[in-house]
PDB file of all heavy atoms in Angstrom:
ATOM      1  N   ARG A   1       2.013  10.273   7.219  1.00  0.00           N
ATOM      2  CA  ARG A   1       1.591  11.339   8.381  1.00  0.00           C
ATOM      3  C   ARG A   1       0.332  11.973   8.010  1.00  0.00           C
ATOM      4  O   ARG A   1      -0.056  12.923   8.655  1.00  0.00           O
ATOM      5  CB  ARG A   1       2.649  12.350   8.390  1.00  0.00           C
ATOM      6  CG  ARG A   1       3.980  11.891   8.937  1.00  0.00           C
ATOM      7  CD  ARG A   1       4.972  13.014   8.821  1.00  0.00           C
ATOM      8  NE  ARG A   1       6.128  12.983   9.783  1.00  0.00           N
ATOM      9  CZ  ARG A   1       7.092  13.775   9.938  1.00  0.00           C
ATOM     10  NH1 ARG A   1       7.162  14.671   8.971  1.00  0.00           N
ATOM     11  NH2 ARG A   1       7.969  13.495  10.765  1.00  0.00           N
ATOM     12  N   LEU A   2      -0.316  11.601   6.950  1.00  0.00           N
ATOM     13  CA  LEU A   2      -1.635  12.081   6.436  1.00  0.00           C
ATOM     14  C   LEU A   2      -1.601  13.567   6.110  1.00  0.00           C
ATOM     15  O   LEU A   2      -2.502  14.320   6.198  1.00  0.00           O
ATOM     16  CB  LEU A   2      -2.726  11.890   7.485  1.00  0.00           C
ATOM     17  CG  LEU A   2      -3.044  10.449   7.904  1.00  0.00           C
ATOM     18  CD1 LEU A   2      -4.044  10.401   9.023  1.00  0.00           C
ATOM     19  CD2 LEU A   2      -3.524   9.574   6.781  1.00  0.00           C
ATOM     20  N   ARG A   3      -0.377  13.991   5.544  1.00  0.00           N
ATOM     21  CA  ARG A   3      -0.172  15.320   5.135  1.00  0.00           C
ATOM     22  C   ARG A   3      -0.384  15.462   3.620  1.00  0.00           C
ATOM     23  O   ARG A   3      -0.486  16.552   3.041  1.00  0.00           O
ATOM     24  CB  ARG A   3       1.159  15.836   5.435  1.00  0.00           C
ATOM     25  CG  ARG A   3       1.358  16.057   6.870  1.00  0.00           C
ATOM     26  CD  ARG A   3       2.704  16.540   7.306  1.00  0.00           C
ATOM     27  NE  ARG A   3       2.826  16.707   8.787  1.00  0.00           N
ATOM     28  CZ  ARG A   3       3.999  16.872   9.393  1.00  0.00           C
ATOM     29  NH1 ARG A   3       4.962  16.957   8.768  1.00  0.00           N
ATOM     30  NH2 ARG A   3       3.949  17.009  10.666  1.00  0.00           N
ATOM     31  N   ARG A   4      -0.409  14.282   3.003  1.00  0.00           N
ATOM     32  CA  ARG A   4      -0.519  14.274   1.542  1.00  0.00           C
ATOM     33  C   ARG A   4      -1.568  13.101   1.193  1.00  0.00           C
ATOM     34  O   ARG A   4      -1.829  12.300   2.051  1.00  0.00           O
ATOM     35  CB  ARG A   4       0.712  13.938   0.763  1.00  0.00           C
ATOM     36  CG  ARG A   4       1.929  14.761   0.989  1.00  0.00           C
ATOM     37  CD  ARG A   4       2.009  16.079   0.200  1.00  0.00           C
ATOM     38  NE  ARG A   4       1.925  16.012  -1.225  1.00  0.00           N
ATOM     39  CZ  ARG A   4       2.963  16.033  -2.039  1.00  0.00           C
ATOM     40  NH1 ARG A   4       4.246  16.109  -1.554  1.00  0.00           N
ATOM     41  NH2 ARG A   4       2.828  16.095  -3.336  1.00  0.00           N
ATOM     42  N   GLY A   5      -2.084  13.058   0.005  1.00  0.00           N
ATOM     43  CA  GLY A   5      -3.153  12.034  -0.237  1.00  0.00           C
ATOM     44  C   GLY A   5      -2.636  11.325  -1.583  1.00  0.00           C
ATOM     45  O   GLY A   5      -1.849  11.723  -2.195  1.00  0.00           O
ATOM     46  N   PRO A   6      -3.260  10.104  -1.859  1.00  0.00           N
ATOM     47  CA  PRO A   6      -2.839   9.433  -2.928  1.00  0.00           C
ATOM     48  C   PRO A   6      -3.108  10.191  -4.283  1.00  0.00           C
ATOM     49  O   PRO A   6      -2.310   9.964  -5.356  1.00  0.00           O
ATOM     50  CB  PRO A   6      -3.785   8.165  -2.937  1.00  0.00           C
ATOM     51  CG  PRO A   6      -4.358   8.142  -1.628  1.00  0.00           C
ATOM     52  CD  PRO A   6      -4.218   9.472  -0.987  1.00  0.00           C
ATOM     53  N   GLN A   7      -4.048  11.140  -4.337  1.00  0.00           N
ATOM     54  CA  GLN A   7      -4.241  11.918  -5.430  1.00  0.00           C
ATOM     55  C   GLN A   7      -3.089  12.713  -5.893  1.00  0.00           C
ATOM     56  O   GLN A   7      -3.007  13.261  -7.017  1.00  0.00           O
ATOM     57  CB  GLN A   7      -5.534  12.617  -5.402  1.00  0.00           C
ATOM     58  CG  GLN A   7      -5.452  13.822  -4.393  1.00  0.00           C
ATOM     59  CD  GLN A   7      -5.793  13.287  -2.943  1.00  0.00           C
ATOM     60  OE1 GLN A   7      -5.819  12.182  -2.698  1.00  0.00           O
ATOM     61  NE2 GLN A   7      -5.944  14.397  -2.074  1.00  0.00           N
ATOM     62  N   ASP A   8      -2.201  13.046  -4.940  1.00  0.00           N
ATOM     63  CA  ASP A   8      -1.017  13.852  -5.158  1.00  0.00           C
ATOM     64  C   ASP A   8       0.131  13.134  -5.820  1.00  0.00           C
ATOM     65  O   ASP A   8       1.085  13.646  -6.334  1.00  0.00           O
ATOM     66  CB  ASP A   8      -0.494  14.422  -3.886  1.00  0.00           C
ATOM     67  CG  ASP A   8      -1.572  15.244  -3.225  1.00  0.00           C
ATOM     68  OD1 ASP A   8      -2.403  15.985  -3.858  1.00  0.00           O
ATOM     69  OD2 ASP A   8      -1.573  15.421  -1.950  1.00  0.00           O
ATOM     70  N   LEU A   9      -0.038  11.808  -5.914  1.00  0.00           N
ATOM     71  CA  LEU A   9       0.994  10.908  -6.544  1.00  0.00           C
ATOM     72  C   LEU A   9       0.857  11.005  -7.985  1.00  0.00           C
ATOM     73  O   LEU A   9      -0.285  11.014  -8.598  1.00  0.00           O
ATOM     74  CB  LEU A   9       0.822   9.510  -5.998  1.00  0.00           C
ATOM     75  CG  LEU A   9       2.016   8.571  -6.082  1.00  0.00           C
ATOM     76  CD1 LEU A   9       3.168   9.081  -5.288  1.00  0.00           C
ATOM     77  CD2 LEU A   9       1.567   7.161  -5.541  1.00  0.00           C
ATOM     78  N   PRO A  10       1.950  11.024  -8.836  1.00  0.00           N
ATOM     79  CA  PRO A  10       1.759  10.982 -10.202  1.00  0.00           C
ATOM     80  C   PRO A  10       1.134   9.740 -10.751  1.00  0.00           C
ATOM     81  O   PRO A  10       1.392   8.717 -10.186  1.00  0.00           O
ATOM     82  CB  PRO A  10       3.161  11.259 -10.762  1.00  0.00           C
ATOM     83  CG  PRO A  10       4.112  10.862  -9.694  1.00  0.00           C
ATOM     84  CD  PRO A  10       3.354  11.032  -8.491  1.00  0.00           C
ATOM     85  N   TYR A  11       0.447   9.885 -11.821  1.00  0.00           N
ATOM     86  CA  TYR A  11      -0.085   8.731 -12.587  1.00  0.00           C
ATOM     87  C   TYR A  11       0.982   8.121 -13.360  1.00  0.00           C
ATOM     88  O   TYR A  11       1.290   8.558 -14.570  1.00  0.00           O
ATOM     89  CB  TYR A  11      -1.253   9.222 -13.411  1.00  0.00           C
ATOM     90  CG  TYR A  11      -2.186   8.048 -13.928  1.00  0.00           C
ATOM     91  CD1 TYR A  11      -3.297   7.571 -13.207  1.00  0.00           C
ATOM     92  CD2 TYR A  11      -1.813   7.458 -15.180  1.00  0.00           C
ATOM     93  CE1 TYR A  11      -3.984   6.513 -13.751  1.00  0.00           C
ATOM     94  CE2 TYR A  11      -2.653   6.410 -15.652  1.00  0.00           C
ATOM     95  CZ  TYR A  11      -3.680   5.902 -14.986  1.00  0.00           C
ATOM     96  OH  TYR A  11      -4.485   4.914 -15.475  1.00  0.00           O
ATOM     97  N   SER A  12       1.614   7.037 -12.887  1.00  0.00           N
ATOM     98  CA  SER A  12       2.702   6.387 -13.523  1.00  0.00           C
ATOM     99  C   SER A  12       2.785   4.958 -13.413  1.00  0.00           C
ATOM    100  O   SER A  12       2.766   4.267 -12.370  1.00  0.00           O
ATOM    101  CB  SER A  12       4.133   6.980 -12.944  1.00  0.00           C
ATOM    102  OG  SER A  12       5.158   6.229 -13.218  1.00  0.00           O
ATOM    103  N   SER A  13       2.771   4.319 -14.497  1.00  0.00           N
ATOM    104  CA  SER A  13       2.759   2.754 -14.597  1.00  0.00           C
ATOM    105  C   SER A  13       4.177   2.251 -14.213  1.00  0.00           C
ATOM    106  O   SER A  13       4.139   1.251 -13.521  1.00  0.00           O
ATOM    107  CB  SER A  13       2.454   2.343 -16.077  1.00  0.00           C
ATOM    108  OG  SER A  13       1.165   2.649 -16.402  1.00  0.00           O
ATOM    109  N   ALA A  14       5.208   2.999 -14.468  1.00  0.00           N
ATOM    110  CA  ALA A  14       6.556   2.576 -14.083  1.00  0.00           C
ATOM    111  C   ALA A  14       6.688   2.650 -12.731  1.00  0.00           C
ATOM    112  O   ALA A  14       7.289   1.733 -12.110  1.00  0.00           O
ATOM    113  CB  ALA A  14       7.494   3.476 -14.807  1.00  0.00           C
ATOM    114  N   LEU A  15       6.161   3.673 -12.058  1.00  0.00           N
ATOM    115  CA  LEU A  15       6.118   3.683 -10.556  1.00  0.00           C
ATOM    116  C   LEU A  15       5.422   2.527  -9.896  1.00  0.00           C
ATOM    117  O   LEU A  15       5.862   1.953  -8.922  1.00  0.00           O
ATOM    118  CB  LEU A  15       5.629   4.999 -10.065  1.00  0.00           C
ATOM    119  CG  LEU A  15       5.695   5.327  -8.514  1.00  0.00           C
ATOM    120  CD1 LEU A  15       7.043   5.205  -7.959  1.00  0.00           C
ATOM    121  CD2 LEU A  15       5.030   6.621  -8.275  1.00  0.00           C
ATOM    122  N   LEU A  16       4.244   2.265 -10.416  1.00  0.00           N
ATOM    123  CA  LEU A  16       3.326   1.076  -9.811  1.00  0.00           C
ATOM    124  C   LEU A  16       4.225  -0.033  -9.981  1.00  0.00           C
ATOM    125  O   LEU A  16       4.153  -0.957  -9.022  1.00  0.00           O
ATOM    126  CB  LEU A  16       2.099   1.072 -10.573  1.00  0.00           C
ATOM    127  CG  LEU A  16       1.094  -0.059 -10.039  1.00  0.00           C
ATOM    128  CD1 LEU A  16       0.888   0.047  -8.638  1.00  0.00           C
ATOM    129  CD2 LEU A  16      -0.205  -0.018 -10.957  1.00  0.00           C
ATOM    130  N   VAL A  17       4.780  -0.376 -11.144  1.00  0.00           N
ATOM    131  CA  VAL A  17       5.559  -1.718 -11.263  1.00  0.00           C
ATOM    132  C   VAL A  17       6.754  -1.736 -10.290  1.00  0.00           C
ATOM    133  O   VAL A  17       7.004  -2.770  -9.644  1.00  0.00           O
ATOM    134  CB  VAL A  17       6.005  -1.825 -12.815  1.00  0.00           C
ATOM    135  CG1 VAL A  17       6.965  -2.946 -12.808  1.00  0.00           C
ATOM    136  CG2 VAL A  17       4.714  -2.016 -13.686  1.00  0.00           C
ATOM    137  N   LEU A  18       7.463  -0.609 -10.330  1.00  0.00           N
ATOM    138  CA  LEU A  18       8.639  -0.447  -9.332  1.00  0.00           C
ATOM    139  C   LEU A  18       8.153  -0.802  -7.890  1.00  0.00           C
ATOM    140  O   LEU A  18       8.869  -1.637  -7.226  1.00  0.00           O
ATOM    141  CB  LEU A  18       9.229   0.817  -9.407  1.00  0.00           C
ATOM    142  CG  LEU A  18      10.374   1.059  -8.464  1.00  0.00           C
ATOM    143  CD1 LEU A  18      11.581   0.223  -8.727  1.00  0.00           C
ATOM    144  CD2 LEU A  18      10.903   2.553  -8.539  1.00  0.00           C
ATOM    145  N   LEU A  19       7.144  -0.213  -7.417  1.00  0.00           N
ATOM    146  CA  LEU A  19       6.673  -0.419  -6.010  1.00  0.00           C
ATOM    147  C   LEU A  19       6.128  -1.803  -5.872  1.00  0.00           C
ATOM    148  O   LEU A  19       6.313  -2.396  -4.810  1.00  0.00           O
ATOM    149  CB  LEU A  19       5.583   0.696  -5.764  1.00  0.00           C
ATOM    150  CG  LEU A  19       6.129   2.052  -5.710  1.00  0.00           C
ATOM    151  CD1 LEU A  19       4.968   3.066  -5.506  1.00  0.00           C
ATOM    152  CD2 LEU A  19       7.097   2.215  -4.454  1.00  0.00           C
ATOM    153  N   ALA A  20       5.515  -2.449  -6.904  1.00  0.00           N
ATOM    154  CA  ALA A  20       5.123  -3.771  -6.744  1.00  0.00           C
ATOM    155  C   ALA A  20       6.225  -4.727  -6.714  1.00  0.00           C
ATOM    156  O   ALA A  20       6.219  -5.682  -5.799  1.00  0.00           O
ATOM    157  CB  ALA A  20       4.157  -4.120  -8.012  1.00  0.00           C
ATOM    158  N   VAL A  21       7.282  -4.516  -7.394  1.00  0.00           N
ATOM    159  CA  VAL A  21       8.460  -5.345  -7.332  1.00  0.00           C
ATOM    160  C   VAL A  21       9.111  -5.272  -5.917  1.00  0.00           C
ATOM    161  O   VAL A  21       9.510  -6.202  -5.198  1.00  0.00           O
ATOM    162  CB  VAL A  21       9.482  -5.027  -8.518  1.00  0.00           C
ATOM    163  CG1 VAL A  21      10.871  -5.611  -8.219  1.00  0.00           C
ATOM    164  CG2 VAL A  21       8.957  -5.439  -9.738  1.00  0.00           C
ATOM    165  N   LEU A  22       9.303  -3.885  -5.516  1.00  0.00           N
ATOM    166  CA  LEU A  22       9.848  -3.668  -4.172  1.00  0.00           C
ATOM    167  C   LEU A  22       9.060  -4.313  -3.092  1.00  0.00           C
ATOM    168  O   LEU A  22       9.607  -4.809  -2.128  1.00  0.00           O
ATOM    169  CB  LEU A  22      10.035  -2.176  -3.908  1.00  0.00           C
ATOM    170  CG  LEU A  22      11.210  -1.539  -4.759  1.00  0.00           C
ATOM    171  CD1 LEU A  22      11.160  -0.125  -4.543  1.00  0.00           C
ATOM    172  CD2 LEU A  22      12.526  -2.030  -4.348  1.00  0.00           C
ATOM    173  N   SER A  23       7.739  -4.251  -3.197  1.00  0.00           N
ATOM    174  CA  SER A  23       6.889  -4.911  -2.167  1.00  0.00           C
ATOM    175  C   SER A  23       7.009  -6.307  -2.145  1.00  0.00           C
ATOM    176  O   SER A  23       7.202  -6.830  -1.062  1.00  0.00           O
ATOM    177  CB  SER A  23       5.396  -4.555  -2.646  1.00  0.00           C
ATOM    178  OG  SER A  23       4.502  -5.120  -1.719  1.00  0.00           O
ATOM    179  N   VAL A  24       7.023  -7.020  -3.244  1.00  0.00           N
ATOM    180  CA  VAL A  24       7.199  -8.483  -3.342  1.00  0.00           C
ATOM    181  C   VAL A  24       8.625  -8.833  -2.734  1.00  0.00           C
ATOM    182  O   VAL A  24       8.788  -9.756  -1.971  1.00  0.00           O
ATOM    183  CB  VAL A  24       6.914  -9.021  -4.732  1.00  0.00           C
ATOM    184  CG1 VAL A  24       7.454 -10.502  -4.766  1.00  0.00           C
ATOM    185  CG2 VAL A  24       5.484  -8.885  -5.087  1.00  0.00           C
ATOM    186  N   LEU A  25       9.694  -8.106  -3.019  1.00  0.00           N
ATOM    187  CA  LEU A  25      11.044  -8.379  -2.591  1.00  0.00           C
ATOM    188  C   LEU A  25      11.091  -8.230  -1.164  1.00  0.00           C
ATOM    189  O   LEU A  25      11.706  -9.101  -0.381  1.00  0.00           O
ATOM    190  CB  LEU A  25      12.051  -7.480  -3.332  1.00  0.00           C
ATOM    191  CG  LEU A  25      12.295  -8.006  -4.841  1.00  0.00           C
ATOM    192  CD1 LEU A  25      13.297  -6.934  -5.543  1.00  0.00           C
ATOM    193  CD2 LEU A  25      12.822  -9.242  -4.915  1.00  0.00           C
ATOM    194  N   THR A  26      10.718  -7.091  -0.596  1.00  0.00           N
ATOM    195  CA  THR A  26      10.754  -6.909   0.864  1.00  0.00           C
ATOM    196  C   THR A  26       9.946  -7.915   1.518  1.00  0.00           C
ATOM    197  O   THR A  26      10.258  -8.400   2.607  1.00  0.00           O
ATOM    198  CB  THR A  26      10.366  -5.352   1.196  1.00  0.00           C
ATOM    199  OG1 THR A  26       9.119  -5.225   0.788  1.00  0.00           O
ATOM    200  CG2 THR A  26      11.358  -4.433   0.672  1.00  0.00           C
ATOM    201  N   GLY A  27       8.704  -8.220   1.071  1.00  0.00           N
ATOM    202  CA  GLY A  27       7.880  -9.235   1.654  1.00  0.00           C
ATOM    203  C   GLY A  27       8.504 -10.590   1.756  1.00  0.00           C
ATOM    204  O   GLY A  27       8.378 -11.345   2.698  1.00  0.00           O
ATOM    205  N   THR A  28       9.223 -10.891   0.672  1.00  0.00           N
ATOM    206  CA  THR A  28       9.858 -12.267   0.538  1.00  0.00           C
ATOM    207  C   THR A  28      10.986 -12.302   1.468  1.00  0.00           C
ATOM    208  O   THR A  28      11.211 -13.282   2.184  1.00  0.00           O
ATOM    209  CB  THR A  28      10.348 -12.411  -0.929  1.00  0.00           C
ATOM    210  OG1 THR A  28       9.198 -12.381  -1.778  1.00  0.00           O
ATOM    211  CG2 THR A  28      11.049 -13.765  -0.987  1.00  0.00           C
ATOM    212  N   ILE A  29      11.618 -11.245   1.524  1.00  0.00           N
ATOM    213  CA  ILE A  29      12.941 -11.197   2.445  1.00  0.00           C
ATOM    214  C   ILE A  29      12.443 -11.268   4.042  1.00  0.00           C
ATOM    215  O   ILE A  29      12.961 -12.062   4.757  1.00  0.00           O
ATOM    216  CB  ILE A  29      13.805  -9.985   2.275  1.00  0.00           C
ATOM    217  CG1 ILE A  29      14.499  -9.979   0.862  1.00  0.00           C
ATOM    218  CG2 ILE A  29      14.780  -9.741   3.389  1.00  0.00           C
ATOM    219  CD1 ILE A  29      15.111  -8.741   0.422  1.00  0.00           C
ATOM    220  N   ASN A  30      11.378 -10.603   4.242  1.00  0.00           N
ATOM    221  CA  ASN A  30      10.941 -10.615   5.569  1.00  0.00           C
ATOM    222  C   ASN A  30      10.240 -11.838   5.968  1.00  0.00           C
ATOM    223  O   ASN A  30      10.222 -12.188   7.180  1.00  0.00           O
ATOM    224  CB  ASN A  30      10.014  -9.471   5.842  1.00  0.00           C
ATOM    225  CG  ASN A  30      10.735  -8.054   5.888  1.00  0.00           C
ATOM    226  OD1 ASN A  30      11.967  -8.053   6.287  1.00  0.00           O
ATOM    227  ND2 ASN A  30      10.047  -6.974   5.559  1.00  0.00           N
ATOM    228  N   GLY A  31       9.600 -12.532   5.000  1.00  0.00           N
ATOM    229  CA  GLY A  31       8.799 -13.722   5.267  1.00  0.00           C
ATOM    230  C   GLY A  31       9.490 -15.053   5.058  1.00  0.00           C
ATOM    231  O   GLY A  31       8.773 -16.108   5.240  1.00  0.00           O
ATOM    232  N   ARG A  32      10.709 -15.043   4.683  1.00  0.00           N
ATOM    233  CA  ARG A  32      11.369 -16.334   4.358  1.00  0.00           C
ATOM    234  C   ARG A  32      11.382 -17.277   5.516  1.00  0.00           C
ATOM    235  O   ARG A  32      11.270 -18.414   5.402  1.00  0.00           O
ATOM    236  CB  ARG A  32      12.669 -16.136   3.683  1.00  0.00           C
ATOM    237  CG  ARG A  32      13.722 -15.384   4.561  1.00  0.00           C
ATOM    238  CD  ARG A  32      15.033 -15.435   3.871  1.00  0.00           C
ATOM    239  NE  ARG A  32      16.089 -14.811   4.781  1.00  0.00           N
ATOM    240  CZ  ARG A  32      16.567 -13.721   4.739  1.00  0.00           C
ATOM    241  NH1 ARG A  32      16.103 -12.777   3.895  1.00  0.00           N
ATOM    242  NH2 ARG A  32      17.439 -13.357   5.766  1.00  0.00           N
ATOM    243  N   GLU A  33      11.660 -16.740   6.735  1.00  0.00           N
ATOM    244  CA  GLU A  33      11.644 -17.570   7.924  1.00  0.00           C
ATOM    245  C   GLU A  33      10.288 -18.228   8.320  1.00  0.00           C
ATOM    246  O   GLU A  33      10.112 -19.272   8.675  1.00  0.00           O
ATOM    247  CB  GLU A  33      12.222 -16.769   9.126  1.00  0.00           C
ATOM    248  CG  GLU A  33      13.719 -16.458   8.961  1.00  0.00           C
ATOM    249  CD  GLU A  33      14.682 -17.682   8.839  1.00  0.00           C
ATOM    250  OE1 GLU A  33      14.316 -18.690   9.558  1.00  0.00           O
ATOM    251  OE2 GLU A  33      15.509 -17.644   8.145  1.00  0.00           O
ATOM    252  N   LEU A  34       9.343 -17.183   8.080  1.00  0.00           N
ATOM    253  CA  LEU A  34       7.921 -17.541   8.424  1.00  0.00           C
ATOM    254  C   LEU A  34       7.367 -18.654   7.587  1.00  0.00           C
ATOM    255  O   LEU A  34       6.649 -19.664   7.995  1.00  0.00           O
ATOM    256  CB  LEU A  34       6.929 -16.348   8.384  1.00  0.00           C
ATOM    257  CG  LEU A  34       5.546 -16.593   8.569  1.00  0.00           C
ATOM    258  CD1 LEU A  34       5.244 -17.009  10.045  1.00  0.00           C
ATOM    259  CD2 LEU A  34       4.802 -15.273   8.378  1.00  0.00           C
ATOM    260  N   PHE A  35       7.700 -18.601   6.200  1.00  0.00           N
ATOM    261  CA  PHE A  35       7.155 -19.518   5.296  1.00  0.00           C
ATOM    262  C   PHE A  35       8.068 -20.654   5.029  1.00  0.00           C
ATOM    263  O   PHE A  35       7.706 -21.565   4.186  1.00  0.00           O
ATOM    264  CB  PHE A  35       6.815 -18.726   3.985  1.00  0.00           C
ATOM    265  CG  PHE A  35       5.612 -17.934   4.113  1.00  0.00           C
ATOM    266  CD1 PHE A  35       5.900 -16.474   4.199  1.00  0.00           C
ATOM    267  CD2 PHE A  35       4.376 -18.403   4.035  1.00  0.00           C
ATOM    268  CE1 PHE A  35       4.752 -15.635   4.279  1.00  0.00           C
ATOM    269  CE2 PHE A  35       3.224 -17.563   4.209  1.00  0.00           C
ATOM    270  CZ  PHE A  35       3.492 -16.184   4.340  1.00  0.00           C
ATOM    271  N   GLY A  36       9.239 -20.705   5.660  1.00  0.00           N
ATOM    272  CA  GLY A  36      10.158 -21.949   5.487  1.00  0.00           C
ATOM    273  C   GLY A  36      10.972 -21.898   4.246  1.00  0.00           C
ATOM    274  O   GLY A  36      11.379 -22.887   3.769  1.00  0.00           O
TER     275      GLY A  36
END
């Protein structure tokens, strides 16, 4: 909603890894039909 900025997010490697894993998993689930 543009009420916060990325600079307000904590500097956390664990959070970055968690979000990367979630991103790949959700993208894989959503794209499995498209990519066969």
